[in-house]
PDB file of N, CA and C in Angstrom:
ATOM      1  N   MET A   1     -33.119 -44.185  45.841  1.00  0.00           N
ATOM      2  CA  MET A   1     -32.084 -43.828  44.894  1.00  0.00           C
ATOM      3  C   MET A   1     -31.935 -44.944  43.867  1.00  0.00           C
ATOM      4  N   LYS A   2     -31.850 -44.583  42.622  1.00  0.00           N
ATOM      5  CA  LYS A   2     -31.780 -45.539  41.519  1.00  0.00           C
ATOM      6  C   LYS A   2     -30.322 -45.863  41.187  1.00  0.00           C
ATOM      7  N   PRO A   3     -29.976 -47.181  41.031  1.00  0.00           N
ATOM      8  CA  PRO A   3     -28.606 -47.521  40.642  1.00  0.00           C
ATOM      9  C   PRO A   3     -28.273 -46.989  39.252  1.00  0.00           C
ATOM     10  N   LYS A   4     -26.983 -46.817  38.985  1.00  0.00           N
ATOM     11  CA  LYS A   4     -26.551 -46.266  37.697  1.00  0.00           C
ATOM     12  C   LYS A   4     -26.917 -47.173  36.523  1.00  0.00           C
ATOM     13  N   ASN A   5     -26.893 -48.495  36.715  1.00  0.00           N
ATOM     14  CA  ASN A   5     -27.146 -49.425  35.620  1.00  0.00           C
ATOM     15  C   ASN A   5     -28.591 -49.914  35.595  1.00  0.00           C
ATOM     16  N   ALA A   6     -29.514 -49.152  36.137  1.00  0.00           N
ATOM     17  CA  ALA A   6     -30.905 -49.595  36.258  1.00  0.00           C
ATOM     18  C   ALA A   6     -31.699 -49.419  34.974  1.00  0.00           C
ATOM     19  N   GLY A   7     -31.227 -48.703  33.995  1.00  0.00           N
ATOM     20  CA  GLY A   7     -31.988 -48.487  32.767  1.00  0.00           C
ATOM     21  C   GLY A   7     -32.788 -47.199  32.840  1.00  0.00           C
ATOM     22  N   ASN A   8     -33.617 -46.956  31.837  1.00  0.00           N
ATOM     23  CA  ASN A   8     -34.332 -45.692  31.746  1.00  0.00           C
ATOM     24  C   ASN A   8     -35.760 -45.762  32.268  1.00  0.00           C
ATOM     25  N   LEU A   9     -36.325 -46.932  32.410  1.00  0.00           N
ATOM     26  CA  LEU A   9     -37.707 -47.050  32.860  1.00  0.00           C
ATOM     27  C   LEU A   9     -37.778 -46.998  34.377  1.00  0.00           C
ATOM     28  N   PRO A  10     -38.923 -46.584  34.929  1.00  0.00           N
ATOM     29  CA  PRO A  10     -39.027 -46.420  36.384  1.00  0.00           C
ATOM     30  C   PRO A  10     -38.751 -47.698  37.172  1.00  0.00           C
ATOM     31  N   ASP A  11     -39.096 -48.861  36.610  1.00  0.00           N
ATOM     32  CA  ASP A  11     -38.884 -50.106  37.362  1.00  0.00           C
ATOM     33  C   ASP A  11     -37.527 -50.747  37.058  1.00  0.00           C
ATOM     34  N   GLY A  12     -36.654 -50.072  36.330  1.00  0.00           N
ATOM     35  CA  GLY A  12     -35.304 -50.551  36.112  1.00  0.00           C
ATOM     36  C   GLY A  12     -35.104 -51.348  34.846  1.00  0.00           C
ATOM     37  N   ARG A  13     -36.175 -51.609  34.083  1.00  0.00           N
ATOM     38  CA  ARG A  13     -36.018 -52.358  32.842  1.00  0.00           C
ATOM     39  C   ARG A  13     -35.336 -51.504  31.776  1.00  0.00           C
ATOM     40  N   ILE A  14     -34.669 -52.168  30.847  1.00  0.00           N
ATOM     41  CA  ILE A  14     -34.045 -51.469  29.727  1.00  0.00           C
ATOM     42  C   ILE A  14     -35.087 -51.344  28.621  1.00  0.00           C
ATOM     43  N   PRO A  15     -35.260 -50.170  28.035  1.00  0.00           N
ATOM     44  CA  PRO A  15     -36.274 -50.015  26.990  1.00  0.00           C
ATOM     45  C   PRO A  15     -35.941 -50.848  25.753  1.00  0.00           C
ATOM     46  N   ASP A  16     -36.968 -51.272  25.025  1.00  0.00           N
ATOM     47  CA  ASP A  16     -36.799 -52.108  23.846  1.00  0.00           C
ATOM     48  C   ASP A  16     -36.264 -51.325  22.654  1.00  0.00           C
ATOM     49  N   ARG A  17     -36.603 -50.051  22.569  1.00  0.00           N
ATOM     50  CA  ARG A  17     -36.195 -49.215  21.436  1.00  0.00           C
ATOM     51  C   ARG A  17     -35.359 -48.037  21.922  1.00  0.00           C
ATOM     52  N   LEU A  18     -34.423 -47.639  21.085  1.00  0.00           N
ATOM     53  CA  LEU A  18     -33.625 -46.452  21.352  1.00  0.00           C
ATOM     54  C   LEU A  18     -34.447 -45.222  20.970  1.00  0.00           C
ATOM     55  N   PRO A  19     -34.015 -44.017  21.373  1.00  0.00           N
ATOM     56  CA  PRO A  19     -34.779 -42.811  21.039  1.00  0.00           C
ATOM     57  C   PRO A  19     -34.987 -42.598  19.536  1.00  0.00           C
ATOM     58  N   ASP A  20     -34.068 -43.100  18.690  1.00  0.00           N
ATOM     59  CA  ASP A  20     -34.239 -42.926  17.244  1.00  0.00           C
ATOM     60  C   ASP A  20     -35.143 -43.992  16.623  1.00  0.00           C
ATOM     61  N   GLY A  21     -35.667 -44.926  17.418  1.00  0.00           N
ATOM     62  CA  GLY A  21     -36.598 -45.925  16.924  1.00  0.00           C
ATOM     63  C   GLY A  21     -35.977 -47.260  16.562  1.00  0.00           C
ATOM     64  N   THR A  22     -34.657 -47.365  16.562  1.00  0.00           N
ATOM     65  CA  THR A  22     -34.017 -48.641  16.248  1.00  0.00           C
ATOM     66  C   THR A  22     -34.050 -49.548  17.468  1.00  0.00           C
ATOM     67  N   PRO A  23     -34.026 -50.866  17.265  1.00  0.00           N
ATOM     68  CA  PRO A  23     -34.040 -51.790  18.407  1.00  0.00           C
ATOM     69  C   PRO A  23     -32.816 -51.598  19.300  1.00  0.00           C
ATOM     70  N   ALA A  24     -33.005 -51.729  20.600  1.00  0.00           N
ATOM     71  CA  ALA A  24     -31.901 -51.561  21.548  1.00  0.00           C
ATOM     72  C   ALA A  24     -30.912 -52.711  21.443  1.00  0.00           C
ATOM     73  N   VAL A  25     -31.409 -53.907  21.098  1.00  0.00           N
ATOM     74  CA  VAL A  25     -30.555 -55.081  20.940  1.00  0.00           C
ATOM     75  C   VAL A  25     -30.707 -55.581  19.509  1.00  0.00           C
ATOM     76  N   LYS A  26     -29.602 -55.823  18.838  1.00  0.00           N
ATOM     77  CA  LYS A  26     -29.657 -56.305  17.458  1.00  0.00           C
ATOM     78  C   LYS A  26     -30.350 -57.656  17.404  1.00  0.00           C
ATOM     79  N   TRP A  27     -31.077 -57.940  16.313  1.00  0.00           N
ATOM     80  CA  TRP A  27     -31.840 -59.175  16.186  1.00  0.00           C
ATOM     81  C   TRP A  27     -30.935 -60.406  16.309  1.00  0.00           C
ATOM     82  N   ARG A  28     -29.771 -60.346  15.729  1.00  0.00           N
ATOM     83  CA  ARG A  28     -28.858 -61.485  15.779  1.00  0.00           C
ATOM     84  C   ARG A  28     -28.431 -61.765  17.219  1.00  0.00           C
ATOM     85  N   SER A  29     -28.241 -60.728  18.019  1.00  0.00           N
ATOM     86  CA  SER A  29     -27.819 -60.900  19.404  1.00  0.00           C
ATOM     87  C   SER A  29     -28.922 -61.496  20.274  1.00  0.00           C
ATOM     88  N   ARG A  30     -30.177 -61.305  19.888  1.00  0.00           N
ATOM     89  CA  ARG A  30     -31.272 -61.840  20.691  1.00  0.00           C
ATOM     90  C   ARG A  30     -31.241 -63.359  20.729  1.00  0.00           C
ATOM     91  N   TRP A  31     -30.719 -64.005  19.699  1.00  0.00           N
ATOM     92  CA  TRP A  31     -30.702 -65.466  19.632  1.00  0.00           C
ATOM     93  C   TRP A  31     -29.385 -66.059  20.085  1.00  0.00           C
ATOM     94  N   THR A  32     -28.343 -65.261  20.215  1.00  0.00           N
ATOM     95  CA  THR A  32     -27.037 -65.813  20.557  1.00  0.00           C
ATOM     96  C   THR A  32     -26.565 -65.433  21.945  1.00  0.00           C
ATOM     97  N   GLU A  33     -27.231 -64.510  22.603  1.00  0.00           N
ATOM     98  CA  GLU A  33     -26.800 -64.079  23.929  1.00  0.00           C
ATOM     99  C   GLU A  33     -27.972 -64.104  24.890  1.00  0.00           C
ATOM    100  N   GLY A  34     -27.684 -64.323  26.149  1.00  0.00           N
ATOM    101  CA  GLY A  34     -28.728 -64.249  27.171  1.00  0.00           C
ATOM    102  C   GLY A  34     -29.541 -65.526  27.291  1.00  0.00           C
ATOM    103  N   THR A  35     -30.746 -65.383  27.824  1.00  0.00           N
ATOM    104  CA  THR A  35     -31.591 -66.535  28.104  1.00  0.00           C
ATOM    105  C   THR A  35     -32.417 -66.930  26.882  1.00  0.00           C
ATOM    106  N   LEU A  36     -32.964 -68.129  26.922  1.00  0.00           N
ATOM    107  CA  LEU A  36     -33.838 -68.602  25.853  1.00  0.00           C
ATOM    108  C   LEU A  36     -35.235 -68.014  26.029  1.00  0.00           C
ATOM    109  N   PRO A  37     -35.934 -67.748  24.929  1.00  0.00           N
ATOM    110  CA  PRO A  37     -37.293 -67.216  25.047  1.00  0.00           C
ATOM    111  C   PRO A  37     -38.232 -68.243  25.695  1.00  0.00           C
ATOM    112  N   LEU A  38     -39.178 -67.756  26.472  1.00  0.00           N
ATOM    113  CA  LEU A  38     -40.101 -68.632  27.191  1.00  0.00           C
ATOM    114  C   LEU A  38     -40.942 -69.462  26.242  1.00  0.00           C
ATOM    115  N   TRP A  39     -41.343 -68.913  25.095  1.00  0.00           N
ATOM    116  CA  TRP A  39     -42.172 -69.679  24.164  1.00  0.00           C
ATOM    117  C   TRP A  39     -41.409 -70.874  23.612  1.00  0.00           C
ATOM    118  N   LEU A  40     -40.097 -70.756  23.475  1.00  0.00           N
ATOM    119  CA  LEU A  40     -39.289 -71.868  22.983  1.00  0.00           C
ATOM    120  C   LEU A  40     -39.204 -72.974  24.034  1.00  0.00           C
ATOM    121  N   ILE A  41     -39.020 -72.604  25.276  1.00  0.00           N
ATOM    122  CA  ILE A  41     -38.979 -73.573  26.375  1.00  0.00           C
ATOM    123  C   ILE A  41     -40.327 -74.274  26.509  1.00  0.00           C
ATOM    124  N   ALA A  42     -41.421 -73.505  26.445  1.00  0.00           N
ATOM    125  CA  ALA A  42     -42.763 -74.074  26.588  1.00  0.00           C
ATOM    126  C   ALA A  42     -43.090 -75.023  25.428  1.00  0.00           C
ATOM    127  N   THR A  43     -42.684 -74.663  24.219  1.00  0.00           N
ATOM    128  CA  THR A  43     -42.935 -75.524  23.061  1.00  0.00           C
ATOM    129  C   THR A  43     -42.181 -76.844  23.196  1.00  0.00           C
ATOM    130  N   ALA A  44     -40.925 -76.778  23.572  1.00  0.00           N
ATOM    131  CA  ALA A  44     -40.127 -77.998  23.739  1.00  0.00           C
ATOM    132  C   ALA A  44     -40.682 -78.862  24.868  1.00  0.00           C
ATOM    133  N   GLY A  45     -41.074 -78.237  25.968  1.00  0.00           N
ATOM    134  CA  GLY A  45     -41.659 -78.992  27.087  1.00  0.00           C
ATOM    135  C   GLY A  45     -42.981 -79.632  26.727  1.00  0.00           C
ATOM    136  N   GLY A  46     -43.811 -78.917  25.989  1.00  0.00           N
ATOM    137  CA  GLY A  46     -45.098 -79.463  25.566  1.00  0.00           C
ATOM    138  C   GLY A  46     -44.936 -80.630  24.620  1.00  0.00           C
ATOM    139  N   MET A  47     -43.992 -80.517  23.696  1.00  0.00           N
ATOM    140  CA  MET A  47     -43.746 -81.622  22.772  1.00  0.00           C
ATOM    141  C   MET A  47     -43.208 -82.845  23.507  1.00  0.00           C
ATOM    142  N   ALA A  48     -42.349 -82.633  24.498  1.00  0.00           N
ATOM    143  CA  ALA A  48     -41.819 -83.743  25.286  1.00  0.00           C
ATOM    144  C   ALA A  48     -42.932 -84.420  26.086  1.00  0.00           C
ATOM    145  N   ALA A  49     -43.848 -83.635  26.646  1.00  0.00           N
ATOM    146  CA  ALA A  49     -44.960 -84.203  27.416  1.00  0.00           C
ATOM    147  C   ALA A  49     -45.884 -85.025  26.517  1.00  0.00           C
ATOM    148  N   ILE A  50     -46.182 -84.517  25.328  1.00  0.00           N
ATOM    149  CA  ILE A  50     -47.025 -85.259  24.383  1.00  0.00           C
ATOM    150  C   ILE A  50     -46.338 -86.559  23.966  1.00  0.00           C
ATOM    151  N   PHE A  51     -45.025 -86.515  23.776  1.00  0.00           N
ATOM    152  CA  PHE A  51     -44.279 -87.714  23.417  1.00  0.00           C
ATOM    153  C   PHE A  51     -44.354 -88.765  24.523  1.00  0.00           C
ATOM    154  N   VAL A  52     -44.169 -88.355  25.767  1.00  0.00           N
ATOM    155  CA  VAL A  52     -44.192 -89.304  26.885  1.00  0.00           C
ATOM    156  C   VAL A  52     -45.578 -89.906  27.043  1.00  0.00           C
ATOM    157  N   VAL A  53     -46.628 -89.100  26.949  1.00  0.00           N
ATOM    158  CA  VAL A  53     -48.000 -89.628  27.048  1.00  0.00           C
ATOM    159  C   VAL A  53     -48.259 -90.590  25.894  1.00  0.00           C
ATOM    160  N   GLY A  54     -47.811 -90.257  24.698  1.00  0.00           N
ATOM    161  CA  GLY A  54     -47.962 -91.149  23.552  1.00  0.00           C
ATOM    162  C   GLY A  54     -47.216 -92.456  23.749  1.00  0.00           C
ATOM    163  N   LEU A  55     -46.061 -92.398  24.375  1.00  0.00           N
ATOM    164  CA  LEU A  55     -45.294 -93.607  24.665  1.00  0.00           C
ATOM    165  C   LEU A  55     -46.058 -94.520  25.621  1.00  0.00           C
ATOM    166  N   PHE A  56     -46.707 -93.939  26.612  1.00  0.00           N
ATOM    167  CA  PHE A  56     -47.522 -94.741  27.541  1.00  0.00           C
ATOM    168  C   PHE A  56     -48.696 -95.384  26.823  1.00  0.00           C
ATOM    169  N   PHE A  57     -49.363 -94.644  25.948  1.00  0.00           N
ATOM    170  CA  PHE A  57     -50.478 -95.228  25.192  1.00  0.00           C
ATOM    171  C   PHE A  57     -49.986 -96.341  24.270  1.00  0.00           C
ATOM    172  N   TYR A  58     -48.847 -96.135  23.634  1.00  0.00           N
ATOM    173  CA  TYR A  58     -48.286 -97.174  22.767  1.00  0.00           C
ATOM    174  C   TYR A  58     -47.961 -98.428  23.588  1.00  0.00           C
ATOM    175  N   GLY A  59     -47.363 -98.233  24.743  1.00  0.00           N
ATOM    176  CA  GLY A  59     -47.007 -99.362  25.597  1.00  0.00           C
ATOM    177  C   GLY A  59     -48.211-100.109  26.132  1.00  0.00           C
ATOM    178  N   SER A  60     -49.318 -99.425  26.289  1.00  0.00           N
ATOM    179  CA  SER A  60     -50.512-100.103  26.799  1.00  0.00           C
ATOM    180  C   SER A  60     -51.137-101.009  25.754  1.00  0.00           C
ATOM    181  N   TYR A  61     -50.885-100.804  24.484  1.00  0.00           N
ATOM    182  CA  TYR A  61     -51.455-101.622  23.425  1.00  0.00           C
ATOM    183  C   TYR A  61     -50.475-102.670  22.894  1.00  0.00           C
ATOM    184  N   THR A  62     -49.206-102.563  23.259  1.00  0.00           N
ATOM    185  CA  THR A  62     -48.215-103.557  22.816  1.00  0.00           C
ATOM    186  C   THR A  62     -47.419-104.060  23.999  1.00  0.00           C
ATOM    187  N   GLY A  63     -46.789-105.198  23.875  1.00  0.00           N
ATOM    188  CA  GLY A  63     -45.905-105.693  24.909  1.00  0.00           C
ATOM    189  C   GLY A  63     -46.639-106.172  26.147  1.00  0.00           C
ATOM    190  N   VAL A  64     -45.985-106.074  27.296  1.00  0.00           N
ATOM    191  CA  VAL A  64     -46.541-106.540  28.566  1.00  0.00           C
ATOM    192  C   VAL A  64     -47.750-105.687  28.920  1.00  0.00           C
ATOM    193  N   GLY A  65     -48.847-106.341  29.270  1.00  0.00           N
ATOM    194  CA  GLY A  65     -50.061-105.634  29.648  1.00  0.00           C
ATOM    195  C   GLY A  65     -51.099-105.591  28.547  1.00  0.00           C
ATOM    196  N   SER A  66     -50.694-105.935  27.324  1.00  0.00           N
ATOM    197  CA  SER A  66     -51.691-105.990  26.259  1.00  0.00           C
ATOM    198  C   SER A  66     -52.376-107.349  26.329  1.00  0.00           C
ATOM    199  N   ALA A  67     -53.640-107.375  26.080  1.00  0.00           N
ATOM    200  CA  ALA A  67     -54.435-108.610  26.197  1.00  0.00           C
ATOM    201  C   ALA A  67     -53.753-109.699  25.464  1.00  0.00           C
TER     202      ALA A  67
END
């Protein structure tokens, strides 16, 4: 038995478009409500990782440990 709030798709997801073709969620609401998009999290994490690795390389050529 399917719960009442399960959505219209067989696996319970809410469809992206309404029957008339308009988006189910307004574009403005996509950025102000709910979770952050995965690509945004991955981009921020990747930039942070590159920064930390760059910091280690910088530290190896300056300061303690440099010839």
